[in-house]
């Protein structure tokens, strides 16, 4: 989508739809008043009918009015000063309402938002517009992309143009990255295999000089002793891959942030097979890997002066005569032995070897992202990603990034008292704890492989996709991660 920041006169600006706001008393914003005057007070008369909802973010489309705008979308603003959550809802609902038009102009930056500047407002508007126009069309013969291709953000004064443009660039890049993650997540498992992800990473590197890609195949992983990782792919005909995408935007001496994504392209549960209901959604078990691809694409859009490594631990978890069995013991790359009590707790097995491998990059910080546990969904629902960290500064920075973008995370405990539940009678550890605190004990398992660096774990099992009528990948936590990295 083509975004722009402009100082516009709404009474002269031609567009398929102008987006304006009205407060709780139906008082229009600056440009809204100008347009209302141009139409002989028609917008105000329509608002008096009471069809526009009272909650911030409610929308009403007004068609066939006089003036240069084909349509006007009025968005309820609520009080004179908005909360960030209210403004974010206005941006999202308005973008959803105009996505079927060829172009639109938003005048929402005329509003005041508590604790937020014009750059932040423009970022939310661009992010919302980019997210709203996503549609998975690869496997549908009659589906077409939404026609919205041009989106302008109005600035009241010329001095606002620079911060608004800066905000647009970040929001648009976050949307691009989120939609890359959504596209990969929504792809069926017979399309999106570990080999497909590897080929996508190689193709991305060919297009951008600041990105290089390397792939460890099964033979190389065996040579490195990645017995935990390889125990997951044993039952599948699809070979595994450990993909490393290296973005070099900073100085050669700058230590990178390493992102590690769980990439189980389909998770049947293996021998500990899952129930059939909703098993199709296990194509989303590579949501962490998809988010890493999304972040790398966003960075290539923005070209920040930082170094970031994106690791993707890609495998398929299937049952077969060669699959790992409950009770099997494997040796991880770290040398630690693991008793596999449940083959459906496979994500931590690929991640533990990937986290050990991450140490070779001498990272400033490592963040793994994984659709790891159903227990996290029970704990936090679908609103927040679970966050664990062995470094409080890192945890706070990630939480702050989530609050800025609305892609929120909640810090969970990583206490030593939980560790004994992973003790095994036959190996250094077992891959599951008891029924209680399943998300916590999974994080505790991973923490045993991250002693040498600052580390955070994001459990996105509840936030990576939606079920039901709105089934589809969300692209989270790409906005959060991009926001965090830009602050580095």
Protein backbone atom coordinates (compact mmCIF):
# COMPACT_ATOMS: atom_id res chain seq x y z
CA UNK A 1 0.00 0.00 0.00
CA UNK A 2 1.16 3.53 -0.77
CA UNK A 3 1.05 5.74 2.34
CA UNK A 4 1.60 9.49 2.45
CA UNK A 5 1.55 12.37 4.93
CA UNK A 6 0.04 15.62 3.65
CA UNK A 7 -1.44 18.92 4.76
CA UNK A 8 -4.84 18.74 3.08
CA UNK A 9 -7.93 20.86 2.64
CA UNK A 10 -10.81 18.43 3.04
CA UNK A 11 -13.12 20.75 1.08
CA UNK A 12 -10.90 20.29 -2.00
CA UNK A 13 -9.29 16.87 -1.54
CA UNK A 14 -10.72 14.24 -3.88
CA UNK A 15 -10.88 10.75 -2.41
CA UNK A 16 -13.09 7.67 -2.30
CA UNK A 17 -13.53 8.20 1.44
CA UNK A 18 -12.60 10.82 4.03
CA UNK A 19 -12.28 9.60 7.63
CA UNK A 20 -13.36 12.18 10.21
CA UNK A 21 -14.38 12.03 13.87
CA UNK A 22 -17.20 13.17 16.14
CA UNK A 23 -17.08 13.36 19.94
CA UNK A 24 -19.80 12.27 22.37
CA UNK A 25 -21.72 15.49 21.73
CA UNK A 26 -21.51 15.00 17.93
CA UNK A 27 -19.04 17.86 17.68
CA UNK A 28 -16.90 17.28 14.60
CA UNK A 29 -13.12 17.65 14.42
CA UNK A 30 -11.52 20.58 12.53
CA UNK A 31 -11.72 19.06 9.05
CA UNK A 32 -15.09 17.49 9.82
CA UNK A 33 -16.54 20.94 10.52
CA UNK A 34 -15.15 22.22 7.21
CA UNK A 35 -16.75 19.36 5.32
CA UNK A 36 -20.02 19.79 7.19
CA UNK A 37 -20.09 23.46 6.20
CA UNK A 38 -19.42 22.52 2.58
CA UNK A 39 -22.39 20.12 2.62
CA UNK A 40 -24.77 22.62 4.16
CA UNK A 41 -24.73 20.95 7.57
CA UNK A 42 -25.77 17.55 6.20
CA UNK A 43 -23.24 15.56 8.24
CA UNK A 44 -24.41 17.17 11.47
CA UNK A 45 -28.05 16.46 10.59
CA UNK A 46 -27.28 12.80 9.90
CA UNK A 47 -25.42 12.50 13.22
CA UNK A 48 -28.44 13.86 15.08
CA UNK A 49 -30.42 10.82 13.94
CA UNK A 50 -28.38 8.79 16.42
CA UNK A 51 -27.22 6.00 14.10
CA UNK A 52 -23.56 6.42 15.06
CA UNK A 53 -22.83 4.31 18.12
CA UNK A 54 -21.77 5.93 21.36
CA UNK A 55 -18.62 3.91 22.02
CA UNK A 56 -15.24 5.16 20.74
CA UNK A 57 -14.47 3.39 17.49
CA UNK A 58 -18.08 3.14 16.31
CA UNK A 59 -18.37 4.07 12.62
CA UNK A 60 -21.01 5.40 10.25
CA UNK A 61 -20.53 5.60 6.51
CA UNK A 62 -22.23 8.51 4.79
CA UNK A 63 -22.65 8.07 1.04
CA UNK A 64 -23.57 10.40 -1.81
CA UNK A 65 -22.68 13.74 -0.26
CA UNK A 66 -21.76 16.97 -2.00
CA UNK A 67 -18.09 17.83 -2.30
CA UNK A 68 -14.89 16.13 -3.44
CA UNK A 69 -15.20 13.05 -1.18
CA UNK A 70 -17.29 10.23 -2.61
CA UNK A 71 -18.04 9.11 0.92
CA UNK A 72 -17.39 10.15 4.50
CA UNK A 73 -16.72 7.77 7.36
CA UNK A 74 -17.50 9.28 10.75
CA UNK A 75 -15.77 7.62 13.71
CA UNK A 76 -16.88 8.14 17.29
CA UNK A 77 -14.09 9.75 19.30
CA UNK A 78 -15.66 9.87 22.73
CA UNK A 79 -14.20 12.42 25.13
CA UNK A 80 -12.08 15.44 24.18
CA UNK A 81 -8.92 13.53 25.10
CA UNK A 82 -8.67 9.88 24.08
CA UNK A 83 -6.85 6.97 25.65
CA UNK A 84 -4.35 5.17 23.47
CA UNK A 85 -6.58 2.07 23.42
CA UNK A 86 -9.54 4.15 22.22
CA UNK A 87 -7.52 5.77 19.44
CA UNK A 88 -6.13 2.40 18.38
CA UNK A 89 -9.69 1.06 18.14
CA UNK A 90 -10.71 4.08 16.05
CA UNK A 91 -7.80 3.47 13.69
CA UNK A 92 -8.58 -0.23 13.32
CA UNK A 93 -12.34 0.13 12.88
CA UNK A 94 -12.00 2.93 10.37
CA UNK A 95 -9.43 0.99 8.35
CA UNK A 96 -11.71 -2.05 8.29
CA UNK A 97 -14.61 0.11 7.11
CA UNK A 98 -12.71 1.62 4.14
CA UNK A 99 -10.71 -1.40 2.93
CA UNK A 100 -13.12 -1.99 0.03
CA UNK A 101 -12.46 1.46 -1.46
CA UNK A 102 -9.54 2.25 -3.75
CA UNK A 103 -8.17 5.06 -1.58
CA UNK A 104 -8.86 6.94 1.66
CA UNK A 105 -7.70 9.94 3.67
CA UNK A 106 -7.60 9.88 7.46
CA UNK A 107 -8.04 13.10 9.43
CA UNK A 108 -7.79 11.33 12.80
CA UNK A 109 -4.42 12.91 13.65
CA UNK A 110 -6.35 16.08 14.44
CA UNK A 111 -7.35 14.46 17.73
CA UNK A 112 -5.45 14.57 21.04
CA UNK A 113 -4.44 11.26 22.62
CA UNK A 114 -3.26 10.90 26.21
CA UNK A 115 0.51 10.34 26.39
CA UNK A 116 0.94 10.04 22.62
CA UNK A 117 2.37 12.32 19.95
CA UNK A 118 1.45 12.65 16.27
CA UNK A 119 4.10 10.13 15.22
CA UNK A 120 2.51 7.47 17.43
CA UNK A 121 -0.96 8.31 16.08
CA UNK A 122 0.22 8.00 12.48
CA UNK A 123 1.95 4.72 13.31
CA UNK A 124 -1.31 3.24 14.63
CA UNK A 125 -3.26 4.48 11.60
CA UNK A 126 -0.78 2.97 9.12
CA UNK A 127 -0.50 -0.29 11.04
CA UNK A 128 -4.29 -0.61 11.17
CA UNK A 129 -4.70 0.14 7.47
CA UNK A 130 -2.06 -2.40 6.52
CA UNK A 131 -3.55 -5.10 8.74
CA UNK A 132 -7.11 -4.46 7.56
CA UNK A 133 -6.29 -5.10 3.90
CA UNK A 134 -4.78 -8.56 4.45
CA UNK A 135 -6.60 -11.46 2.84
CA UNK A 136 -5.38 -15.01 2.18
CA UNK A 137 -6.12 -15.68 -1.49
CA UNK A 138 -3.56 -18.30 -2.48
CA UNK A 139 -5.91 -21.26 -2.43
CA UNK A 140 -9.19 -19.58 -3.44
CA UNK A 141 -9.96 -19.34 -7.14
CA UNK A 142 -12.37 -16.41 -6.88
CA UNK A 143 -10.86 -14.37 -4.02
CA UNK A 144 -9.32 -11.02 -4.86
CA UNK A 145 -7.20 -8.62 -2.79
CA UNK A 146 -8.91 -5.65 -1.21
CA UNK A 147 -8.69 -2.63 -3.54
CA UNK A 148 -7.38 -0.11 -0.98
CA UNK A 149 -3.93 0.81 -2.32
CA UNK A 150 -3.54 4.49 -1.39
CA UNK A 151 -3.90 5.88 2.11
CA UNK A 152 -3.12 9.46 3.15
CA UNK A 153 -2.76 10.80 6.69
CA UNK A 154 -3.62 14.48 7.15
CA UNK A 155 -1.44 16.86 9.14
CA UNK A 156 -2.95 20.07 10.50
CA UNK A 157 0.35 21.93 10.17
CA UNK A 158 3.47 21.53 8.05
CA UNK A 159 5.61 21.02 11.17
CA UNK A 160 3.64 17.83 11.85
CA UNK A 161 4.54 16.29 8.49
CA UNK A 162 7.93 14.93 9.52
CA UNK A 163 6.76 13.11 12.70
CA UNK A 164 3.63 11.84 10.95
CA UNK A 165 5.69 10.50 8.04
CA UNK A 166 8.09 8.82 10.48
CA UNK A 167 5.17 7.17 12.26
CA UNK A 168 3.64 6.03 8.98
CA UNK A 169 6.90 4.34 7.95
CA UNK A 170 7.13 2.32 11.16
CA UNK A 171 3.44 1.37 11.19
CA UNK A 172 3.49 0.39 7.52
CA UNK A 173 6.58 -1.80 8.04
CA UNK A 174 4.98 -3.46 11.08
CA UNK A 175 1.94 -4.20 8.94
CA UNK A 176 4.07 -5.64 6.14
CA UNK A 177 5.84 -7.91 8.63
CA UNK A 178 2.60 -8.94 10.32
CA UNK A 179 1.02 -9.82 6.99
CA UNK A 180 4.04 -11.90 5.95
CA UNK A 181 3.61 -13.82 9.20
CA UNK A 182 -0.13 -14.19 8.59
CA UNK A 183 0.41 -15.45 5.05
CA UNK A 184 2.86 -18.12 6.22
CA UNK A 185 0.61 -19.10 9.12
CA UNK A 186 -2.52 -19.39 6.99
CA UNK A 187 -0.82 -21.57 4.39
CA UNK A 188 -1.77 -25.25 4.63
CA UNK A 189 0.79 -27.67 6.01
CA UNK A 190 1.20 -29.43 2.66
CA UNK A 191 2.41 -26.12 1.18
CA UNK A 192 4.33 -24.61 4.08
CA UNK A 193 6.91 -27.28 4.89
CA UNK A 194 10.36 -26.86 6.49
CA UNK A 195 11.89 -26.93 3.01
CA UNK A 196 9.47 -24.21 1.84
CA UNK A 197 10.49 -21.97 4.74
CA UNK A 198 14.15 -22.54 3.88
CA UNK A 199 13.53 -21.61 0.24
CA UNK A 200 11.66 -18.45 1.31
CA UNK A 201 14.57 -17.41 3.52
CA UNK A 202 17.06 -17.95 0.69
CA UNK A 203 14.89 -15.99 -1.76
CA UNK A 204 14.63 -13.10 0.71
CA UNK A 205 18.41 -12.93 1.04
CA UNK A 206 18.83 -12.80 -2.75
CA UNK A 207 16.71 -9.64 -2.85
CA UNK A 208 18.52 -7.74 -0.08
CA UNK A 209 22.24 -7.15 0.33
CA UNK A 210 21.94 -6.58 4.09
CA UNK A 211 20.51 -10.07 4.61
CA UNK A 212 22.29 -13.40 4.36
CA UNK A 213 20.76 -16.83 4.88
CA UNK A 214 22.24 -20.18 5.82
CA UNK A 215 20.43 -23.47 6.40
CA UNK A 216 21.48 -26.45 8.49
CA UNK A 217 20.10 -29.67 7.05
CA UNK A 218 19.62 -32.95 8.89
CA UNK A 219 23.19 -34.10 8.23
CA UNK A 220 24.70 -30.90 9.63
CA UNK A 221 22.39 -30.99 12.64
CA UNK A 222 23.48 -34.55 13.40
CA UNK A 223 27.11 -33.45 13.22
CA UNK A 224 26.37 -30.72 15.79
CA UNK A 225 24.66 -33.20 18.11
CA UNK A 226 21.13 -31.75 17.88
CA UNK A 227 19.50 -34.93 19.11
CA UNK A 228 16.55 -33.14 20.73
CA UNK A 229 15.66 -31.25 17.54
CA UNK A 230 16.02 -34.33 15.34
CA UNK A 231 13.90 -36.47 17.66
CA UNK A 232 10.88 -34.40 16.57
CA UNK A 233 11.28 -34.82 12.81
CA UNK A 234 11.98 -38.58 12.94
CA UNK A 235 8.37 -39.54 12.24
CA UNK A 236 7.95 -37.29 9.20
CA UNK A 237 8.88 -37.64 5.55
CA UNK A 238 9.63 -33.92 5.56
CA UNK A 239 13.28 -33.22 6.46
CA UNK A 240 13.94 -30.61 9.18
CA UNK A 241 15.83 -27.35 8.73
CA UNK A 242 17.48 -24.85 11.06
CA UNK A 243 17.33 -21.59 9.15
CA UNK A 244 19.47 -18.56 10.03
CA UNK A 245 18.65 -15.16 8.51
CA UNK A 246 21.32 -12.59 9.38
CA UNK A 247 20.36 -8.92 9.00
CA UNK A 248 23.45 -6.70 9.17
CA UNK A 249 22.40 -3.09 9.45
CA UNK A 250 24.75 -2.06 12.24
CA UNK A 251 28.49 -2.12 12.74
CA UNK A 252 30.30 -5.44 12.44
CA UNK A 253 31.26 -5.12 16.12
CA UNK A 254 27.65 -4.63 17.28
CA UNK A 255 26.29 -7.69 19.03
CA UNK A 256 23.04 -8.93 17.46
CA UNK A 257 19.67 -9.64 18.96
CA UNK A 258 18.77 -13.22 18.07
CA UNK A 259 15.14 -14.17 17.47
CA UNK A 260 14.37 -17.89 17.63
CA UNK A 261 11.07 -19.08 16.17
CA UNK A 262 9.40 -22.41 16.75
CA UNK A 263 8.60 -23.70 13.27
CA UNK A 264 6.54 -26.88 13.60
CA UNK A 265 4.85 -26.67 10.21
CA UNK A 266 2.29 -29.25 11.31
CA UNK A 267 1.91 -30.76 14.74
CA UNK A 268 -0.05 -34.02 14.93
CA UNK A 269 1.35 -34.61 18.41
CA UNK A 270 3.44 -37.51 17.13
CA UNK A 271 2.89 -40.81 18.95
CA UNK A 272 1.12 -38.80 21.70
CA UNK A 273 -1.36 -37.88 19.00
CA UNK A 274 -3.76 -35.00 19.42
CA UNK A 275 -7.56 -35.36 19.30
CA UNK A 276 -9.00 -34.83 15.82
CA UNK A 277 -11.13 -31.81 16.66
CA UNK A 278 -9.49 -28.59 15.43
CA UNK A 279 -6.31 -30.45 14.48
CA UNK A 280 -6.30 -28.46 11.24
CA UNK A 281 -5.26 -25.46 13.33
CA UNK A 282 -1.96 -27.18 14.08
CA UNK A 283 -0.66 -25.67 10.85
CA UNK A 284 -0.35 -22.58 13.07
CA UNK A 285 2.25 -24.29 15.26
CA UNK A 286 4.87 -22.47 13.23
CA UNK A 287 3.53 -19.08 14.37
CA UNK A 288 6.83 -18.29 16.10
CA UNK A 289 8.77 -19.00 12.92
CA UNK A 290 6.27 -16.95 10.91
CA UNK A 291 6.79 -14.00 13.25
CA UNK A 292 10.56 -14.21 12.77
CA UNK A 293 10.05 -14.04 8.99
CA UNK A 294 7.70 -11.11 9.56
CA UNK A 295 10.23 -9.20 11.66
CA UNK A 296 13.00 -9.74 9.13
CA UNK A 297 10.76 -8.40 6.34
CA UNK A 298 9.86 -5.36 8.46
CA UNK A 299 13.54 -4.66 9.15
CA UNK A 300 14.30 -4.81 5.45
CA UNK A 301 11.58 -2.20 4.90
CA UNK A 302 12.99 0.13 7.57
CA UNK A 303 16.75 -0.57 7.24
CA UNK A 304 17.61 0.29 10.88
CA UNK A 305 21.27 0.42 11.97
CA UNK A 306 21.14 -2.76 14.08
CA UNK A 307 22.15 -6.39 13.73
CA UNK A 308 19.50 -9.09 14.08
CA UNK A 309 19.66 -12.84 13.53
CA UNK A 310 16.45 -14.71 12.84
CA UNK A 311 16.65 -18.42 13.62
CA UNK A 312 13.82 -20.71 12.52
CA UNK A 313 13.66 -24.24 13.94
CA UNK A 314 11.53 -25.94 11.28
CA UNK A 315 10.21 -29.49 11.49
CA UNK A 316 7.03 -31.51 11.11
CA UNK A 317 5.81 -33.64 14.03
CA UNK A 318 4.16 -36.82 12.74
CA UNK A 319 3.52 -40.38 13.97
CA UNK A 320 5.18 -43.28 12.16
CA UNK A 321 7.21 -46.40 12.85
CA UNK A 322 10.30 -44.22 13.07
CA UNK A 323 8.83 -41.56 15.35
CA UNK A 324 10.09 -40.87 18.86
CA UNK A 325 8.21 -42.74 21.59
CA UNK A 326 7.26 -41.74 25.13
CA UNK A 327 10.11 -42.91 27.33
CA UNK A 328 12.82 -42.35 24.70
CA UNK A 329 15.92 -40.46 25.87
CA UNK A 330 17.78 -38.08 23.56
CA UNK A 331 20.91 -35.97 23.91
CA UNK A 332 20.63 -32.27 23.14
CA UNK A 333 23.32 -30.13 21.50
CA UNK A 334 24.23 -28.85 24.97
CA UNK A 335 25.06 -32.40 26.05
CA UNK A 336 22.11 -32.57 28.46
CA UNK A 337 19.93 -35.67 28.16
CA UNK A 338 16.14 -35.46 27.94
CA UNK A 339 13.53 -38.12 28.65
CA UNK A 340 10.60 -37.64 26.27
CA UNK A 341 7.45 -38.35 28.26
CA UNK A 342 5.12 -36.73 25.75
CA UNK A 343 5.92 -36.36 22.05
CA UNK A 344 3.36 -33.56 21.83
CA UNK A 345 5.70 -31.40 23.93
CA UNK A 346 7.92 -31.16 20.88
CA UNK A 347 8.36 -27.41 20.56
CA UNK A 348 10.72 -27.22 23.50
CA UNK A 349 12.80 -30.02 21.97
CA UNK A 350 13.50 -28.13 18.74
CA UNK A 351 13.91 -24.87 20.62
CA UNK A 352 16.43 -26.11 23.18
CA UNK A 353 18.91 -27.03 20.45
CA UNK A 354 18.18 -23.81 18.55
CA UNK A 355 18.78 -21.82 21.74
CA UNK A 356 22.11 -23.56 22.27
CA UNK A 357 23.02 -22.79 18.65
CA UNK A 358 22.02 -19.12 19.19
CA UNK A 359 24.96 -18.73 21.58
CA UNK A 360 27.42 -18.95 18.68
CA UNK A 361 26.33 -15.48 17.52
CA UNK A 362 27.51 -13.93 20.84
CA UNK A 363 24.14 -12.20 21.20
CA UNK A 364 23.20 -9.11 23.15
CA UNK A 365 19.88 -10.82 23.82
CA UNK A 366 17.95 -13.86 22.63
CA UNK A 367 14.16 -13.93 22.32
CA UNK A 368 12.36 -17.11 21.41
CA UNK A 369 8.81 -17.00 20.10
CA UNK A 370 6.66 -20.11 20.20
CA UNK A 371 3.10 -21.40 20.15
CA UNK A 372 4.30 -23.54 23.03
CA UNK A 373 1.52 -24.45 25.47
CA UNK A 374 -2.24 -24.66 25.70
CA UNK A 375 -1.71 -23.84 29.37
CA UNK A 376 -0.76 -20.28 28.38
CA UNK A 377 -4.13 -19.90 26.64
CA UNK A 378 -5.87 -21.01 29.84
CA UNK A 379 -3.81 -18.56 31.88
CA UNK A 380 -4.01 -15.46 29.67
CA UNK A 381 -6.65 -16.13 27.02
CA UNK A 382 -6.10 -14.57 23.61
CA UNK A 383 -5.37 -10.97 24.59
CA UNK A 384 -1.78 -11.22 25.82
CA UNK A 385 1.27 -13.29 24.98
CA UNK A 386 3.02 -14.93 27.91
CA UNK A 387 6.46 -13.49 28.64
CA UNK A 388 9.27 -15.13 30.61
CA UNK A 389 12.78 -13.74 31.02
CA UNK A 390 16.01 -14.27 32.92
CA UNK A 391 16.70 -10.51 32.70
CA UNK A 392 14.28 -7.92 34.09
CA UNK A 393 15.50 -5.08 31.86
CA UNK A 394 14.80 -7.16 28.77
CA UNK A 395 11.37 -8.15 30.09
CA UNK A 396 10.40 -4.53 30.80
CA UNK A 397 11.56 -3.38 27.36
CA UNK A 398 9.41 -6.03 25.66
CA UNK A 399 6.37 -5.21 27.79
CA UNK A 400 6.78 -1.51 26.98
CA UNK A 401 6.98 -2.29 23.26
CA UNK A 402 3.79 -4.28 23.58
CA UNK A 403 1.98 -1.43 25.30
CA UNK A 404 3.10 1.01 22.60
CA UNK A 405 1.77 -1.16 19.78
CA UNK A 406 -1.22 -2.73 21.54
CA UNK A 407 0.42 -6.12 20.88
CA UNK A 408 0.59 -6.81 24.59
CA UNK A 409 2.52 -9.31 26.68
CA UNK A 410 2.26 -10.24 30.35
CA UNK A 411 5.22 -11.34 32.44
CA UNK A 412 4.91 -14.75 34.06
CA UNK A 413 7.03 -16.25 36.87
CA UNK A 414 10.23 -18.13 36.18
CA UNK A 415 10.99 -19.24 39.73
CA UNK A 416 13.37 -21.99 40.81
CA UNK A 417 10.53 -23.61 42.77
CA UNK A 418 9.03 -24.84 39.48
CA UNK A 419 12.22 -26.53 38.24
CA UNK A 420 11.97 -29.83 40.22
CA UNK A 421 8.85 -30.82 38.25
CA UNK A 422 11.19 -31.49 35.31
CA UNK A 423 13.39 -33.94 37.23
CA UNK A 424 13.72 -37.39 35.64
CA UNK A 425 14.72 -40.73 37.17
CA UNK A 426 16.52 -41.71 33.97
CA UNK A 427 17.89 -38.56 32.30
CA UNK A 428 19.06 -35.05 33.16
CA UNK A 429 15.49 -33.83 32.73
CA UNK A 430 12.11 -34.76 31.28
CA UNK A 431 10.32 -32.74 28.65
CA UNK A 432 7.13 -32.10 30.65
CA UNK A 433 6.20 -31.28 34.23
CA UNK A 434 2.88 -32.07 35.88
CA UNK A 435 -0.56 -30.71 35.00
CA UNK A 436 -0.07 -27.53 36.99
CA UNK A 437 1.60 -24.41 35.55
CA UNK A 438 2.28 -26.03 32.19
CA UNK A 439 3.38 -22.80 30.51
CA UNK A 440 5.71 -22.02 33.41
CA UNK A 441 7.39 -25.43 33.44
CA UNK A 442 7.84 -25.28 29.66
CA UNK A 443 9.65 -21.96 30.10
CA UNK A 444 11.69 -23.48 32.92
CA UNK A 445 12.75 -26.25 30.54
CA UNK A 446 13.99 -23.69 28.00
CA UNK A 447 15.73 -21.65 30.68
CA UNK A 448 18.14 -24.54 31.28
CA UNK A 449 19.63 -23.87 27.84
CA UNK A 450 19.95 -20.08 28.14
CA UNK A 451 22.35 -19.55 31.03
CA UNK A 452 25.00 -17.79 28.95
CA UNK A 453 23.01 -14.79 27.73
CA UNK A 454 20.04 -12.49 28.37
CA UNK A 455 16.95 -14.36 27.26
CA UNK A 456 13.21 -13.96 26.96
CA UNK A 457 10.58 -16.48 25.93
CA UNK A 458 7.25 -15.50 24.40
CA UNK A 459 4.47 -18.09 24.53
CA UNK A 460 2.10 -16.99 21.76
CA UNK A 461 -0.22 -20.00 21.76
CA UNK A 462 -3.14 -17.73 22.58
CA UNK A 463 -2.24 -14.76 20.40
CA UNK A 464 -0.84 -16.18 17.13
CA UNK A 465 -4.18 -17.11 15.55
CA UNK A 466 -7.94 -16.89 15.92
CA UNK A 467 -10.42 -19.76 15.77
CA UNK A 468 -14.06 -19.92 14.75
CA UNK A 469 -15.64 -17.75 12.06
CA UNK A 470 -12.67 -15.36 12.17
CA UNK A 471 -10.14 -18.20 11.87
CA UNK A 472 -6.78 -16.96 10.72
CA UNK A 473 -3.29 -15.93 11.75
CA UNK A 474 -2.94 -12.61 13.59
CA UNK A 475 0.68 -11.75 12.76
CA UNK A 476 1.47 -11.26 16.44
CA UNK A 477 3.90 -10.52 18.02
CA UNK A 478 5.58 -8.87 14.99
CA UNK A 479 4.57 -5.29 15.96
CA UNK A 480 5.89 -5.78 19.50
CA UNK A 481 9.21 -7.25 18.33
CA UNK A 482 9.79 -4.58 15.68
CA UNK A 483 9.04 -1.87 18.24
CA UNK A 484 11.51 -3.44 20.67
CA UNK A 485 14.24 -3.74 18.07
CA UNK A 486 13.86 -0.15 16.89
CA UNK A 487 14.52 0.96 20.44
CA UNK A 488 17.90 -0.80 20.43
